[in-house]
Amino acid sequence: MDLRCTHCGEEGLEPGFIMDSGENSRGFARWVEGALERGIFGGAKLMGRPKWEIDAYRCRYCHHLELFAARPS
């Protein structure tokens, strides 16, 4: 699949991922459905909310990032 940058219009986006190195992380970021709600200790409320893996692409020309919520995690 050859994707086109929505910022500059060039073809040839490089695949990559958004790293998450926080406490208890899995090493990659996920998209969570709904607005951010914080729990009693300040962390995001995640229980029962759908989570999707993020596919990330970087334009080789303008370095713009394109993110897609590709599949449930």
N, C-alpha and C. Protein backbone atom coordinates (compact mmCIF):
# COMPACT_ATOMS: atom_id res chain seq x y z
N MET A 1 0.85 -1.17 0.00
CA MET A 1 0.00 0.00 0.00
C MET A 1 0.90 1.25 0.00
N ASP A 2 0.72 2.12 -0.96
CA ASP A 2 1.51 3.34 -1.06
C ASP A 2 0.65 4.52 -0.63
N LEU A 3 0.92 5.05 0.55
CA LEU A 3 0.14 6.14 1.11
C LEU A 3 0.70 7.49 0.68
N ARG A 4 -0.19 8.49 0.61
CA ARG A 4 0.20 9.85 0.24
C ARG A 4 0.05 10.75 1.47
N CYS A 5 1.01 11.63 1.69
CA CYS A 5 0.99 12.56 2.82
C CYS A 5 -0.16 13.55 2.65
N THR A 6 -0.97 13.71 3.68
CA THR A 6 -2.08 14.66 3.62
C THR A 6 -1.61 16.10 3.82
N HIS A 7 -0.35 16.29 4.21
CA HIS A 7 0.19 17.64 4.42
C HIS A 7 0.82 18.21 3.15
N CYS A 8 1.73 17.44 2.53
CA CYS A 8 2.45 17.95 1.35
C CYS A 8 2.06 17.26 0.05
N GLY A 9 1.36 16.11 0.15
CA GLY A 9 0.90 15.41 -1.04
C GLY A 9 1.88 14.41 -1.63
N GLU A 10 3.07 14.29 -1.08
CA GLU A 10 4.08 13.35 -1.61
C GLU A 10 3.69 11.91 -1.26
N GLU A 11 4.17 10.98 -2.09
CA GLU A 11 3.96 9.55 -1.84
C GLU A 11 5.14 8.98 -1.08
N GLY A 12 4.94 7.80 -0.52
CA GLY A 12 6.05 7.09 0.11
C GLY A 12 6.21 7.39 1.59
N LEU A 13 5.17 7.13 2.37
CA LEU A 13 5.27 7.31 3.81
C LEU A 13 6.00 6.13 4.44
N GLU A 14 6.87 6.41 5.42
CA GLU A 14 7.62 5.37 6.13
C GLU A 14 6.80 4.85 7.30
N PRO A 15 6.66 3.52 7.44
CA PRO A 15 5.95 2.98 8.60
C PRO A 15 6.81 3.08 9.86
N GLY A 16 6.15 3.22 10.99
CA GLY A 16 6.83 3.28 12.29
C GLY A 16 5.80 3.08 13.39
N PHE A 17 6.13 3.47 14.62
CA PHE A 17 5.16 3.39 15.70
C PHE A 17 5.45 4.48 16.72
N ILE A 18 4.45 4.79 17.54
CA ILE A 18 4.58 5.77 18.61
C ILE A 18 4.94 5.00 19.87
N MET A 19 6.13 5.24 20.40
CA MET A 19 6.62 4.51 21.56
C MET A 19 6.01 5.05 22.85
N ASP A 20 5.69 4.17 23.76
CA ASP A 20 5.22 4.53 25.08
C ASP A 20 6.14 3.84 26.08
N SER A 21 6.92 4.62 26.83
CA SER A 21 7.86 4.01 27.78
C SER A 21 7.50 4.34 29.22
N GLY A 22 6.24 4.68 29.47
CA GLY A 22 5.79 4.99 30.82
C GLY A 22 5.62 3.75 31.68
N GLU A 23 5.28 3.96 32.93
CA GLU A 23 5.06 2.84 33.86
C GLU A 23 4.00 1.89 33.33
N ASN A 24 4.24 0.62 33.44
CA ASN A 24 3.31 -0.44 33.03
C ASN A 24 2.93 -0.37 31.55
N SER A 25 3.78 0.25 30.73
CA SER A 25 3.46 0.36 29.30
C SER A 25 3.81 -0.93 28.58
N ARG A 26 3.23 -1.09 27.40
CA ARG A 26 3.52 -2.25 26.55
C ARG A 26 4.57 -1.90 25.50
N GLY A 27 5.05 -0.67 25.52
CA GLY A 27 6.08 -0.25 24.57
C GLY A 27 5.52 0.48 23.37
N PHE A 28 4.21 0.48 23.21
CA PHE A 28 3.61 1.19 22.09
C PHE A 28 2.34 1.88 22.59
N ALA A 29 1.99 2.99 21.95
CA ALA A 29 0.80 3.75 22.35
C ALA A 29 -0.45 3.15 21.73
N ARG A 30 -1.59 3.42 22.34
CA ARG A 30 -2.88 2.97 21.83
C ARG A 30 -3.86 4.13 21.83
N TRP A 31 -4.85 4.06 20.94
CA TRP A 31 -5.94 5.03 20.90
C TRP A 31 -7.06 4.49 21.75
N VAL A 32 -7.64 5.34 22.62
CA VAL A 32 -8.72 4.93 23.52
C VAL A 32 -9.97 5.74 23.17
N GLU A 33 -11.09 5.04 23.01
CA GLU A 33 -12.34 5.69 22.63
C GLU A 33 -12.85 6.60 23.73
N GLY A 34 -13.35 7.77 23.36
CA GLY A 34 -13.96 8.71 24.31
C GLY A 34 -12.98 9.74 24.84
N ALA A 35 -13.54 10.79 25.44
CA ALA A 35 -12.73 11.86 26.02
C ALA A 35 -11.94 11.35 27.22
N LEU A 36 -10.80 11.99 27.48
CA LEU A 36 -9.95 11.63 28.62
C LEU A 36 -10.69 11.90 29.93
N GLU A 37 -10.76 10.88 30.76
CA GLU A 37 -11.29 11.00 32.12
C GLU A 37 -10.20 10.52 33.05
N ARG A 38 -9.95 11.29 34.10
CA ARG A 38 -8.90 10.93 35.06
C ARG A 38 -9.49 10.26 36.29
N GLY A 39 -8.76 9.27 36.78
CA GLY A 39 -9.17 8.57 37.99
C GLY A 39 -8.73 9.32 39.23
N ILE A 40 -8.93 8.72 40.37
CA ILE A 40 -8.64 9.34 41.66
C ILE A 40 -7.15 9.70 41.83
N PHE A 41 -6.24 8.92 41.22
CA PHE A 41 -4.81 9.18 41.34
C PHE A 41 -4.24 9.94 40.14
N GLY A 42 -5.10 10.44 39.25
CA GLY A 42 -4.67 11.26 38.12
C GLY A 42 -4.43 10.52 36.83
N GLY A 43 -4.43 9.19 36.84
CA GLY A 43 -4.24 8.41 35.63
C GLY A 43 -5.52 8.34 34.81
N ALA A 44 -5.41 7.97 33.57
CA ALA A 44 -6.57 7.85 32.69
C ALA A 44 -7.44 6.67 33.09
N LYS A 45 -8.75 6.86 33.06
CA LYS A 45 -9.69 5.76 33.29
C LYS A 45 -9.79 4.95 32.00
N LEU A 46 -9.46 3.67 32.08
CA LEU A 46 -9.41 2.82 30.88
C LEU A 46 -10.37 1.63 30.94
N MET A 47 -10.85 1.29 32.11
CA MET A 47 -11.66 0.08 32.30
C MET A 47 -12.87 0.06 31.38
N GLY A 48 -13.00 -1.01 30.58
CA GLY A 48 -14.16 -1.20 29.72
C GLY A 48 -14.19 -0.34 28.48
N ARG A 49 -13.14 0.43 28.22
CA ARG A 49 -13.12 1.30 27.05
C ARG A 49 -12.36 0.63 25.92
N PRO A 50 -12.88 0.67 24.69
CA PRO A 50 -12.17 0.07 23.55
C PRO A 50 -10.82 0.74 23.33
N LYS A 51 -9.81 -0.08 23.05
CA LYS A 51 -8.45 0.40 22.80
C LYS A 51 -7.99 -0.15 21.44
N TRP A 52 -7.35 0.69 20.64
CA TRP A 52 -6.89 0.31 19.30
C TRP A 52 -5.40 0.57 19.16
N GLU A 53 -4.70 -0.36 18.50
CA GLU A 53 -3.29 -0.13 18.17
C GLU A 53 -3.21 1.00 17.14
N ILE A 54 -2.13 1.77 17.21
CA ILE A 54 -1.94 2.90 16.30
C ILE A 54 -0.87 2.54 15.27
N ASP A 55 -1.22 2.66 13.99
CA ASP A 55 -0.23 2.56 12.92
C ASP A 55 0.22 3.98 12.62
N ALA A 56 1.53 4.20 12.63
CA ALA A 56 2.08 5.54 12.40
C ALA A 56 2.95 5.53 11.15
N TYR A 57 2.86 6.59 10.37
CA TYR A 57 3.66 6.76 9.15
C TYR A 57 4.26 8.16 9.15
N ARG A 58 5.51 8.29 8.69
CA ARG A 58 6.20 9.58 8.61
C ARG A 58 6.52 9.89 7.15
N CYS A 59 6.20 11.11 6.74
CA CYS A 59 6.51 11.54 5.38
C CYS A 59 8.02 11.75 5.25
N ARG A 60 8.62 11.18 4.22
CA ARG A 60 10.07 11.30 4.00
C ARG A 60 10.46 12.72 3.58
N TYR A 61 9.50 13.51 3.13
CA TYR A 61 9.80 14.84 2.60
C TYR A 61 9.56 15.95 3.62
N CYS A 62 8.38 16.00 4.23
CA CYS A 62 8.07 17.09 5.16
C CYS A 62 8.05 16.64 6.62
N HIS A 63 8.20 15.33 6.86
CA HIS A 63 8.27 14.73 8.21
C HIS A 63 6.95 14.77 8.97
N HIS A 64 5.87 15.07 8.29
CA HIS A 64 4.52 15.05 8.89
C HIS A 64 4.19 13.62 9.30
N LEU A 65 3.51 13.44 10.44
CA LEU A 65 3.08 12.12 10.88
C LEU A 65 1.62 11.88 10.54
N GLU A 66 1.34 10.69 10.04
CA GLU A 66 -0.03 10.24 9.77
C GLU A 66 -0.29 9.08 10.71
N LEU A 67 -1.37 9.14 11.48
CA LEU A 67 -1.71 8.11 12.46
C LEU A 67 -3.05 7.47 12.09
N PHE A 68 -3.12 6.15 12.23
CA PHE A 68 -4.34 5.41 11.94
C PHE A 68 -4.60 4.43 13.08
N ALA A 69 -5.83 4.41 13.58
CA ALA A 69 -6.24 3.42 14.58
C ALA A 69 -6.65 2.18 13.79
N ALA A 70 -5.74 1.21 13.70
CA ALA A 70 -5.88 0.13 12.73
C ALA A 70 -6.66 -1.07 13.21
N ARG A 71 -6.49 -1.48 14.47
CA ARG A 71 -7.13 -2.72 14.93
C ARG A 71 -7.22 -2.70 16.44
N PRO A 72 -8.23 -3.37 16.98
CA PRO A 72 -8.34 -3.44 18.44
C PRO A 72 -7.14 -4.14 19.05
N SER A 73 -6.75 -3.69 20.24
CA SER A 73 -5.62 -4.34 20.93
C SER A 73 -6.11 -5.10 22.14
